[in-house]
């Protein structure tokens, strides 16, 4: 009897819940998340404000909804850039090998020697702060990890029988790479993408916390943590709620990645 993949089930459920929450926030928030009201400063949790209000009298629940959306938007942009460029580099180097592989992979190895966050901070220093620049910087920093994974999968697959048959039938190299080989790497790649989302959420939260990501008054989970650190003991809810959202996002993607890995290995 096949054992249930609880990591996949729990991770998928948490991720779906968070995505649903973000979609709700995209179309509706109870209050304007950027509107300040001094009369509601540090308002307690109530039926009107289910997470209370912050030090500027802004509704915390509305800011959480928008903040989750901002964080996931940055994470999605980061993974798209990293995965698309990484797939292209990994596919060509893994399939063709030779001088192309030697040159590109030495560059990738040099970039991979630096931690992704440190590498992203270097790009931010050049590009400047802001949400869009963070997406670009993190996306570039994530390219090496995706490139190495895809390259190893292409090296593993390129001499398999179905690839040989495709070559004999006259299929072009591009068709063999992206129609025959790439779909057979998707189980490993999807797990890597979930890990990428996990890392991107943490990276965005960290950069916004430092003030180089999303800029006020735009809500972001990391920025909300930064704004609330002064009130850690007097108003713990201001730290608790955005921190909990980050934990749920990271936990969901981590369990989903582990679940996909388990499905792939069959263990």
C-alpha atoms as a PDB file:
ATOM      1  CA  UNK A   1       0.000   0.000   0.000  1.00  0.00           C
ATOM      2  CA  UNK A   2       1.387   3.377  -1.031  1.00  0.00           C
ATOM      3  CA  UNK A   3       2.176   5.632   1.920  1.00  0.00           C
ATOM      4  CA  UNK A   4       0.587   9.077   1.945  1.00  0.00           C
ATOM      5  CA  UNK A   5       2.900  11.971   1.208  1.00  0.00           C
ATOM      6  CA  UNK A   6       2.040  14.152   4.191  1.00  0.00           C
ATOM      7  CA  UNK A   7       4.692  16.767   3.393  1.00  0.00           C
ATOM      8  CA  UNK A   8       3.118  17.322  -0.003  1.00  0.00           C
ATOM      9  CA  UNK A   9      -0.436  17.406   1.404  1.00  0.00           C
ATOM     10  CA  UNK A  10       0.341  19.778   4.299  1.00  0.00           C
ATOM     11  CA  UNK A  11       2.686  21.974   2.258  1.00  0.00           C
ATOM     12  CA  UNK A  12       0.207  22.187  -0.597  1.00  0.00           C
ATOM     13  CA  UNK A  13      -2.629  23.060   1.793  1.00  0.00           C
ATOM     14  CA  UNK A  14      -0.641  25.839   3.497  1.00  0.00           C
ATOM     15  CA  UNK A  15       0.544  27.237   0.163  1.00  0.00           C
ATOM     16  CA  UNK A  16      -2.970  27.179  -1.319  1.00  0.00           C
ATOM     17  CA  UNK A  17      -4.337  28.942   1.770  1.00  0.00           C
ATOM     18  CA  UNK A  18      -1.687  31.665   1.538  1.00  0.00           C
ATOM     19  CA  UNK A  19      -2.202  32.136  -2.208  1.00  0.00           C
ATOM     20  CA  UNK A  20      -5.961  32.386  -1.635  1.00  0.00           C
ATOM     21  CA  UNK A  21      -5.347  34.992   1.081  1.00  0.00           C
ATOM     22  CA  UNK A  22      -3.153  36.972  -1.301  1.00  0.00           C
ATOM     23  CA  UNK A  23      -5.742  36.797  -4.085  1.00  0.00           C
ATOM     24  CA  UNK A  24      -8.382  38.118  -1.689  1.00  0.00           C
ATOM     25  CA  UNK A  25      -6.058  40.971  -0.757  1.00  0.00           C
ATOM     26  CA  UNK A  26      -5.479  41.753  -4.428  1.00  0.00           C
ATOM     27  CA  UNK A  27      -9.184  42.460  -4.970  1.00  0.00           C
ATOM     28  CA  UNK A  28     -10.390  43.476  -1.511  1.00  0.00           C
ATOM     29  CA  UNK A  29      -9.121  44.846   1.798  1.00  0.00           C
ATOM     30  CA  UNK A  30     -11.404  45.974   4.653  1.00  0.00           C
ATOM     31  CA  UNK A  31      -9.572  49.320   4.828  1.00  0.00           C
ATOM     32  CA  UNK A  32      -7.044  51.255   2.809  1.00  0.00           C
ATOM     33  CA  UNK A  33      -3.749  49.673   3.968  1.00  0.00           C
ATOM     34  CA  UNK A  34      -1.893  52.988   3.615  1.00  0.00           C
ATOM     35  CA  UNK A  35      -4.488  55.249   5.274  1.00  0.00           C
ATOM     36  CA  UNK A  36      -3.369  56.669   8.615  1.00  0.00           C
ATOM     37  CA  UNK A  37      -5.778  57.524  11.427  1.00  0.00           C
ATOM     38  CA  UNK A  38      -4.272  58.872  14.645  1.00  0.00           C
ATOM     39  CA  UNK A  39      -7.473  58.075  16.550  1.00  0.00           C
ATOM     40  CA  UNK A  40      -6.868  54.347  15.865  1.00  0.00           C
ATOM     41  CA  UNK A  41      -3.221  54.304  16.927  1.00  0.00           C
ATOM     42  CA  UNK A  42      -2.457  50.919  18.542  1.00  0.00           C
ATOM     43  CA  UNK A  43      -6.154  49.978  18.441  1.00  0.00           C
ATOM     44  CA  UNK A  44      -6.766  46.578  20.031  1.00  0.00           C
ATOM     45  CA  UNK A  45      -7.978  43.497  18.186  1.00  0.00           C
ATOM     46  CA  UNK A  46     -11.730  43.791  17.618  1.00  0.00           C
ATOM     47  CA  UNK A  47     -14.448  42.784  15.183  1.00  0.00           C
ATOM     48  CA  UNK A  48     -13.704  45.912  13.129  1.00  0.00           C
ATOM     49  CA  UNK A  49      -9.942  45.438  13.203  1.00  0.00           C
ATOM     50  CA  UNK A  50      -9.308  41.712  13.621  1.00  0.00           C
ATOM     51  CA  UNK A  51      -5.524  42.204  13.913  1.00  0.00           C
ATOM     52  CA  UNK A  52      -5.665  45.632  15.511  1.00  0.00           C
ATOM     53  CA  UNK A  53      -3.940  48.758  14.168  1.00  0.00           C
ATOM     54  CA  UNK A  54      -0.311  49.845  14.009  1.00  0.00           C
ATOM     55  CA  UNK A  55       1.501  52.922  15.325  1.00  0.00           C
ATOM     56  CA  UNK A  56       0.052  55.056  12.505  1.00  0.00           C
ATOM     57  CA  UNK A  57      -3.517  53.811  12.996  1.00  0.00           C
ATOM     58  CA  UNK A  58      -3.424  51.653   9.859  1.00  0.00           C
ATOM     59  CA  UNK A  59      -5.457  48.435   9.839  1.00  0.00           C
ATOM     60  CA  UNK A  60      -3.046  45.536  10.345  1.00  0.00           C
ATOM     61  CA  UNK A  61      -5.172  42.936   8.570  1.00  0.00           C
ATOM     62  CA  UNK A  62      -5.401  45.071   5.424  1.00  0.00           C
ATOM     63  CA  UNK A  63      -1.652  45.635   5.505  1.00  0.00           C
ATOM     64  CA  UNK A  64      -1.023  41.921   6.028  1.00  0.00           C
ATOM     65  CA  UNK A  65      -3.134  41.081   2.959  1.00  0.00           C
ATOM     66  CA  UNK A  66      -1.244  43.583   0.792  1.00  0.00           C
ATOM     67  CA  UNK A  67       2.095  42.765   2.410  1.00  0.00           C
ATOM     68  CA  UNK A  68       1.776  39.069   1.609  1.00  0.00           C
ATOM     69  CA  UNK A  69       1.007  40.023  -1.983  1.00  0.00           C
ATOM     70  CA  UNK A  70       4.091  42.255  -2.193  1.00  0.00           C
ATOM     71  CA  UNK A  71       6.348  39.564  -0.744  1.00  0.00           C
ATOM     72  CA  UNK A  72       5.004  36.844  -3.040  1.00  0.00           C
ATOM     73  CA  UNK A  73       5.184  39.195  -6.053  1.00  0.00           C
ATOM     74  CA  UNK A  74       8.881  39.764  -5.415  1.00  0.00           C
ATOM     75  CA  UNK A  75       9.434  36.024  -4.826  1.00  0.00           C
ATOM     76  CA  UNK A  76       7.621  35.134  -8.064  1.00  0.00           C
ATOM     77  CA  UNK A  77       9.596  37.650 -10.112  1.00  0.00           C
ATOM     78  CA  UNK A  78      12.828  36.427  -8.554  1.00  0.00           C
ATOM     79  CA  UNK A  79      12.120  32.768  -9.324  1.00  0.00           C
ATOM     80  CA  UNK A  80      10.958  33.544 -12.875  1.00  0.00           C
ATOM     81  CA  UNK A  81      14.189  35.367 -13.716  1.00  0.00           C
ATOM     82  CA  UNK A  82      16.401  32.826 -11.946  1.00  0.00           C
ATOM     83  CA  UNK A  83      14.625  29.769 -13.340  1.00  0.00           C
ATOM     84  CA  UNK A  84      14.235  30.974 -16.946  1.00  0.00           C
ATOM     85  CA  UNK A  85      17.852  32.109 -17.284  1.00  0.00           C
ATOM     86  CA  UNK A  86      19.094  29.105 -15.329  1.00  0.00           C
ATOM     87  CA  UNK A  87      17.145  26.698 -17.555  1.00  0.00           C
ATOM     88  CA  UNK A  88      18.569  28.262 -20.725  1.00  0.00           C
ATOM     89  CA  UNK A  89      22.156  28.208 -19.459  1.00  0.00           C
ATOM     90  CA  UNK A  90      21.857  24.734 -17.945  1.00  0.00           C
ATOM     91  CA  UNK A  91      20.179  23.296 -21.049  1.00  0.00           C
ATOM     92  CA  UNK A  92      22.784  24.556 -23.520  1.00  0.00           C
ATOM     93  CA  UNK A  93      25.809  23.735 -21.368  1.00  0.00           C
ATOM     94  CA  UNK A  94      24.501  20.303 -20.385  1.00  0.00           C
ATOM     95  CA  UNK A  95      23.462  19.340 -23.909  1.00  0.00           C
ATOM     96  CA  UNK A  96      26.406  20.655 -25.922  1.00  0.00           C
ATOM     97  CA  UNK A  97      29.246  20.474 -23.385  1.00  0.00           C
ATOM     98  CA  UNK A  98      32.662  21.391 -24.739  1.00  0.00           C
ATOM     99  CA  UNK A  99      34.019  24.948 -24.707  1.00  0.00           C
ATOM    100  CA  UNK A 100      30.545  26.486 -24.143  1.00  0.00           C
ATOM    101  CA  UNK A 101      30.132  24.378 -21.023  1.00  0.00           C
ATOM    102  CA  UNK A 102      33.618  25.213 -19.739  1.00  0.00           C
ATOM    103  CA  UNK A 103      33.250  28.977 -20.171  1.00  0.00           C
ATOM    104  CA  UNK A 104      29.680  29.398 -18.878  1.00  0.00           C
ATOM    105  CA  UNK A 105      30.056  26.996 -15.968  1.00  0.00           C
ATOM    106  CA  UNK A 106      33.249  28.709 -14.765  1.00  0.00           C
ATOM    107  CA  UNK A 107      31.265  31.954 -14.629  1.00  0.00           C
ATOM    108  CA  UNK A 108      28.406  30.165 -12.868  1.00  0.00           C
ATOM    109  CA  UNK A 109      30.838  28.562 -10.385  1.00  0.00           C
ATOM    110  CA  UNK A 110      32.355  31.965  -9.623  1.00  0.00           C
ATOM    111  CA  UNK A 111      28.897  33.425  -8.932  1.00  0.00           C
ATOM    112  CA  UNK A 112      27.866  30.331  -6.968  1.00  0.00           C
ATOM    113  CA  UNK A 113      30.847  30.819  -4.642  1.00  0.00           C
ATOM    114  CA  UNK A 114      29.074  33.851  -3.152  1.00  0.00           C
ATOM    115  CA  UNK A 115      25.950  33.465  -0.965  1.00  0.00           C
ATOM    116  CA  UNK A 116      22.842  34.526  -2.910  1.00  0.00           C
ATOM    117  CA  UNK A 117      21.966  37.319  -0.477  1.00  0.00           C
ATOM    118  CA  UNK A 118      25.485  38.751  -0.553  1.00  0.00           C
ATOM    119  CA  UNK A 119      25.510  38.625  -4.349  1.00  0.00           C
ATOM    120  CA  UNK A 120      22.094  40.310  -4.469  1.00  0.00           C
ATOM    121  CA  UNK A 121      23.313  43.058  -2.130  1.00  0.00           C
ATOM    122  CA  UNK A 122      26.170  43.764  -4.544  1.00  0.00           C
ATOM    123  CA  UNK A 123      23.678  44.217  -7.385  1.00  0.00           C
ATOM    124  CA  UNK A 124      21.441  46.368  -5.166  1.00  0.00           C
ATOM    125  CA  UNK A 125      24.438  48.609  -4.443  1.00  0.00           C
ATOM    126  CA  UNK A 126      24.735  49.144  -8.209  1.00  0.00           C
ATOM    127  CA  UNK A 127      21.038  49.292  -9.122  1.00  0.00           C
ATOM    128  CA  UNK A 128      19.692  51.080  -6.051  1.00  0.00           C
ATOM    129  CA  UNK A 129      16.949  50.103  -3.594  1.00  0.00           C
ATOM    130  CA  UNK A 130      13.314  49.413  -4.465  1.00  0.00           C
ATOM    131  CA  UNK A 131      11.050  46.463  -5.113  1.00  0.00           C
ATOM    132  CA  UNK A 132      11.786  46.106  -8.831  1.00  0.00           C
ATOM    133  CA  UNK A 133      15.545  46.307  -8.315  1.00  0.00           C
ATOM    134  CA  UNK A 134      15.307  43.658  -5.587  1.00  0.00           C
ATOM    135  CA  UNK A 135      13.510  41.348  -8.026  1.00  0.00           C
ATOM    136  CA  UNK A 136      16.229  41.838 -10.637  1.00  0.00           C
ATOM    137  CA  UNK A 137      19.081  41.500  -8.128  1.00  0.00           C
ATOM    138  CA  UNK A 138      17.704  38.361  -6.465  1.00  0.00           C
ATOM    139  CA  UNK A 139      16.762  36.876  -9.857  1.00  0.00           C
ATOM    140  CA  UNK A 140      20.352  37.235 -11.083  1.00  0.00           C
ATOM    141  CA  UNK A 141      21.667  35.831  -7.801  1.00  0.00           C
ATOM    142  CA  UNK A 142      19.407  32.766  -8.153  1.00  0.00           C
ATOM    143  CA  UNK A 143      20.541  31.919 -11.715  1.00  0.00           C
ATOM    144  CA  UNK A 144      23.599  29.801 -10.731  1.00  0.00           C
ATOM    145  CA  UNK A 145      21.645  27.325  -8.587  1.00  0.00           C
ATOM    146  CA  UNK A 146      19.037  26.694 -11.285  1.00  0.00           C
ATOM    147  CA  UNK A 147      21.695  26.460 -14.011  1.00  0.00           C
ATOM    148  CA  UNK A 148      23.658  23.790 -12.133  1.00  0.00           C
ATOM    149  CA  UNK A 149      20.554  21.696 -11.454  1.00  0.00           C
ATOM    150  CA  UNK A 150      19.310  21.834 -15.066  1.00  0.00           C
ATOM    151  CA  UNK A 151      22.791  21.143 -16.454  1.00  0.00           C
ATOM    152  CA  UNK A 152      23.177  17.997 -14.361  1.00  0.00           C
ATOM    153  CA  UNK A 153      19.749  16.751 -15.468  1.00  0.00           C
ATOM    154  CA  UNK A 154      20.539  17.389 -19.159  1.00  0.00           C
ATOM    155  CA  UNK A 155      23.864  15.549 -18.844  1.00  0.00           C
ATOM    156  CA  UNK A 156      21.991  12.627 -17.288  1.00  0.00           C
ATOM    157  CA  UNK A 157      19.282  12.550 -19.964  1.00  0.00           C
ATOM    158  CA  UNK A 158      21.042  13.465 -23.216  1.00  0.00           C
ATOM    159  CA  UNK A 159      22.323   9.951 -23.954  1.00  0.00           C
ATOM    160  CA  UNK A 160      19.115   8.123 -23.094  1.00  0.00           C
ATOM    161  CA  UNK A 161      17.289   6.027 -25.682  1.00  0.00           C
ATOM    162  CA  UNK A 162      14.415   8.448 -26.270  1.00  0.00           C
ATOM    163  CA  UNK A 163      16.901  11.220 -27.067  1.00  0.00           C
ATOM    164  CA  UNK A 164      18.814   8.964 -29.478  1.00  0.00           C
ATOM    165  CA  UNK A 165      15.539   8.085 -31.211  1.00  0.00           C
ATOM    166  CA  UNK A 166      14.650  11.770 -31.505  1.00  0.00           C
ATOM    167  CA  UNK A 167      18.045  12.456 -33.127  1.00  0.00           C
ATOM    168  CA  UNK A 168      17.584   9.561 -35.570  1.00  0.00           C
ATOM    169  CA  UNK A 169      14.135  10.859 -36.506  1.00  0.00           C
ATOM    170  CA  UNK A 170      15.712  14.196 -37.499  1.00  0.00           C
ATOM    171  CA  UNK A 171      14.496  16.373 -34.600  1.00  0.00           C
ATOM    172  CA  UNK A 172      16.381  19.647 -34.187  1.00  0.00           C
ATOM    173  CA  UNK A 173      18.600  20.253 -31.164  1.00  0.00           C
ATOM    174  CA  UNK A 174      16.197  22.875 -29.782  1.00  0.00           C
ATOM    175  CA  UNK A 175      13.280  20.465 -30.081  1.00  0.00           C
ATOM    176  CA  UNK A 176      15.240  17.694 -28.386  1.00  0.00           C
ATOM    177  CA  UNK A 177      16.277  20.033 -25.546  1.00  0.00           C
ATOM    178  CA  UNK A 178      12.966  21.715 -24.812  1.00  0.00           C
ATOM    179  CA  UNK A 179      10.380  19.183 -25.993  1.00  0.00           C
ATOM    180  CA  UNK A 180      12.027  15.846 -25.182  1.00  0.00           C
ATOM    181  CA  UNK A 181      14.545  16.413 -22.380  1.00  0.00           C
ATOM    182  CA  UNK A 182      13.200  19.391 -20.390  1.00  0.00           C
ATOM    183  CA  UNK A 183       9.796  17.792 -19.542  1.00  0.00           C
ATOM    184  CA  UNK A 184      11.679  14.822 -18.083  1.00  0.00           C
ATOM    185  CA  UNK A 185      13.528  17.122 -15.683  1.00  0.00           C
ATOM    186  CA  UNK A 186      10.392  18.793 -14.348  1.00  0.00           C
ATOM    187  CA  UNK A 187      10.029  16.716 -11.183  1.00  0.00           C
ATOM    188  CA  UNK A 188      13.489  17.792  -9.989  1.00  0.00           C
ATOM    189  CA  UNK A 189      13.024  21.322 -11.339  1.00  0.00           C
ATOM    190  CA  UNK A 190       9.665  21.838  -9.603  1.00  0.00           C
ATOM    191  CA  UNK A 191      11.184  20.893  -6.262  1.00  0.00           C
ATOM    192  CA  UNK A 192      14.000  23.378  -6.908  1.00  0.00           C
ATOM    193  CA  UNK A 193      11.473  26.072  -7.814  1.00  0.00           C
ATOM    194  CA  UNK A 194       9.654  25.561  -4.499  1.00  0.00           C
ATOM    195  CA  UNK A 195      12.970  25.883  -2.655  1.00  0.00           C
ATOM    196  CA  UNK A 196      13.607  29.015  -4.725  1.00  0.00           C
ATOM    197  CA  UNK A 197      10.291  30.496  -3.570  1.00  0.00           C
ATOM    198  CA  UNK A 198      11.212  29.630   0.015  1.00  0.00           C
ATOM    199  CA  UNK A 199      14.570  31.404  -0.245  1.00  0.00           C
ATOM    200  CA  UNK A 200      13.106  34.357  -2.175  1.00  0.00           C
ATOM    201  CA  UNK A 201      10.455  35.015   0.498  1.00  0.00           C
ATOM    202  CA  UNK A 202      13.134  35.090   3.199  1.00  0.00           C
ATOM    203  CA  UNK A 203      15.431  37.240   1.059  1.00  0.00           C
ATOM    204  CA  UNK A 204      12.695  39.764   0.261  1.00  0.00           C
ATOM    205  CA  UNK A 205      11.641  39.965   3.900  1.00  0.00           C
ATOM    206  CA  UNK A 206      15.250  40.498   4.942  1.00  0.00           C
ATOM    207  CA  UNK A 207      15.904  43.208   2.349  1.00  0.00           C
ATOM    208  CA  UNK A 208      12.678  45.046   3.121  1.00  0.00           C
ATOM    209  CA  UNK A 209      13.534  44.816   6.817  1.00  0.00           C
ATOM    210  CA  UNK A 210      16.842  46.527   6.032  1.00  0.00           C
ATOM    211  CA  UNK A 211      15.020  49.216   4.053  1.00  0.00           C
ATOM    212  CA  UNK A 212      16.341  48.311   0.589  1.00  0.00           C
ATOM    213  CA  UNK A 213      13.289  46.424  -0.638  1.00  0.00           C
ATOM    214  CA  UNK A 214       9.711  47.700  -0.700  1.00  0.00           C
ATOM    215  CA  UNK A 215       9.576  51.350   0.331  1.00  0.00           C
ATOM    216  CA  UNK A 216       7.073  53.023   2.720  1.00  0.00           C
ATOM    217  CA  UNK A 217       4.150  53.389   2.707  1.00  0.00           C
ATOM    218  CA  UNK A 218       3.794  50.222   0.551  1.00  0.00           C
ATOM    219  CA  UNK A 219       3.137  47.256   2.856  1.00  0.00           C
ATOM    220  CA  UNK A 220       5.635  44.392   2.886  1.00  0.00           C
ATOM    221  CA  UNK A 221       6.031  41.710   5.530  1.00  0.00           C
ATOM    222  CA  UNK A 222       9.708  42.518   6.085  1.00  0.00           C
ATOM    223  CA  UNK A 223       9.035  46.248   6.181  1.00  0.00           C
ATOM    224  CA  UNK A 224       6.225  45.716   8.681  1.00  0.00           C
ATOM    225  CA  UNK A 225       8.619  43.810  10.933  1.00  0.00           C
ATOM    226  CA  UNK A 226      11.128  46.637  10.641  1.00  0.00           C
ATOM    227  CA  UNK A 227       8.516  49.274  11.549  1.00  0.00           C
ATOM    228  CA  UNK A 228       7.273  47.271  14.529  1.00  0.00           C
ATOM    229  CA  UNK A 229      10.600  46.379  16.185  1.00  0.00           C
ATOM    230  CA  UNK A 230      10.425  49.443  18.446  1.00  0.00           C
ATOM    231  CA  UNK A 231       7.103  48.174  19.826  1.00  0.00           C
ATOM    232  CA  UNK A 232       8.136  44.528  20.251  1.00  0.00           C
ATOM    233  CA  UNK A 233       7.127  44.340  23.925  1.00  0.00           C
ATOM    234  CA  UNK A 234       4.425  47.017  24.134  1.00  0.00           C
ATOM    235  CA  UNK A 235       2.547  45.914  20.969  1.00  0.00           C
ATOM    236  CA  UNK A 236       3.625  42.316  20.195  1.00  0.00           C
ATOM    237  CA  UNK A 237       0.804  41.851  17.666  1.00  0.00           C
ATOM    238  CA  UNK A 238       2.581  44.201  15.258  1.00  0.00           C
ATOM    239  CA  UNK A 239       5.462  41.699  15.136  1.00  0.00           C
ATOM    240  CA  UNK A 240       3.466  38.503  15.586  1.00  0.00           C
ATOM    241  CA  UNK A 241       1.132  38.765  12.590  1.00  0.00           C
ATOM    242  CA  UNK A 242       3.627  39.597   9.806  1.00  0.00           C
ATOM    243  CA  UNK A 243       6.124  37.147  11.336  1.00  0.00           C
ATOM    244  CA  UNK A 244       3.482  34.418  11.295  1.00  0.00           C
ATOM    245  CA  UNK A 245       2.722  35.084   7.621  1.00  0.00           C
ATOM    246  CA  UNK A 246       6.409  34.754   6.719  1.00  0.00           C
ATOM    247  CA  UNK A 247       6.609  31.483   8.661  1.00  0.00           C
ATOM    248  CA  UNK A 248       3.536  30.086   6.877  1.00  0.00           C
ATOM    249  CA  UNK A 249       4.828  31.058   3.428  1.00  0.00           C
ATOM    250  CA  UNK A 250       8.250  29.552   4.079  1.00  0.00           C
ATOM    251  CA  UNK A 251       6.840  26.435   5.759  1.00  0.00           C
ATOM    252  CA  UNK A 252       4.378  25.828   2.920  1.00  0.00           C
ATOM    253  CA  UNK A 253       7.022  26.055   0.199  1.00  0.00           C
ATOM    254  CA  UNK A 254       9.534  24.002   2.207  1.00  0.00           C
ATOM    255  CA  UNK A 255       7.086  21.151   2.838  1.00  0.00           C
ATOM    256  CA  UNK A 256       5.917  21.284  -0.771  1.00  0.00           C
ATOM    257  CA  UNK A 257       9.525  21.024  -2.000  1.00  0.00           C
ATOM    258  CA  UNK A 258      10.168  18.070   0.312  1.00  0.00           C
ATOM    259  CA  UNK A 259       6.927  16.438  -0.796  1.00  0.00           C
ATOM    260  CA  UNK A 260       7.849  16.799  -4.467  1.00  0.00           C
ATOM    261  CA  UNK A 261      11.281  15.363  -3.738  1.00  0.00           C
ATOM    262  CA  UNK A 262       9.699  12.386  -1.980  1.00  0.00           C
ATOM    263  CA  UNK A 263       7.344  11.797  -4.913  1.00  0.00           C
ATOM    264  CA  UNK A 264      10.309  11.921  -7.270  1.00  0.00           C
ATOM    265  CA  UNK A 265      12.440   9.431  -5.333  1.00  0.00           C
ATOM    266  CA  UNK A 266       9.492   7.252  -4.353  1.00  0.00           C
ATOM    267  CA  UNK A 267      10.668   7.119  -0.734  1.00  0.00           C
END
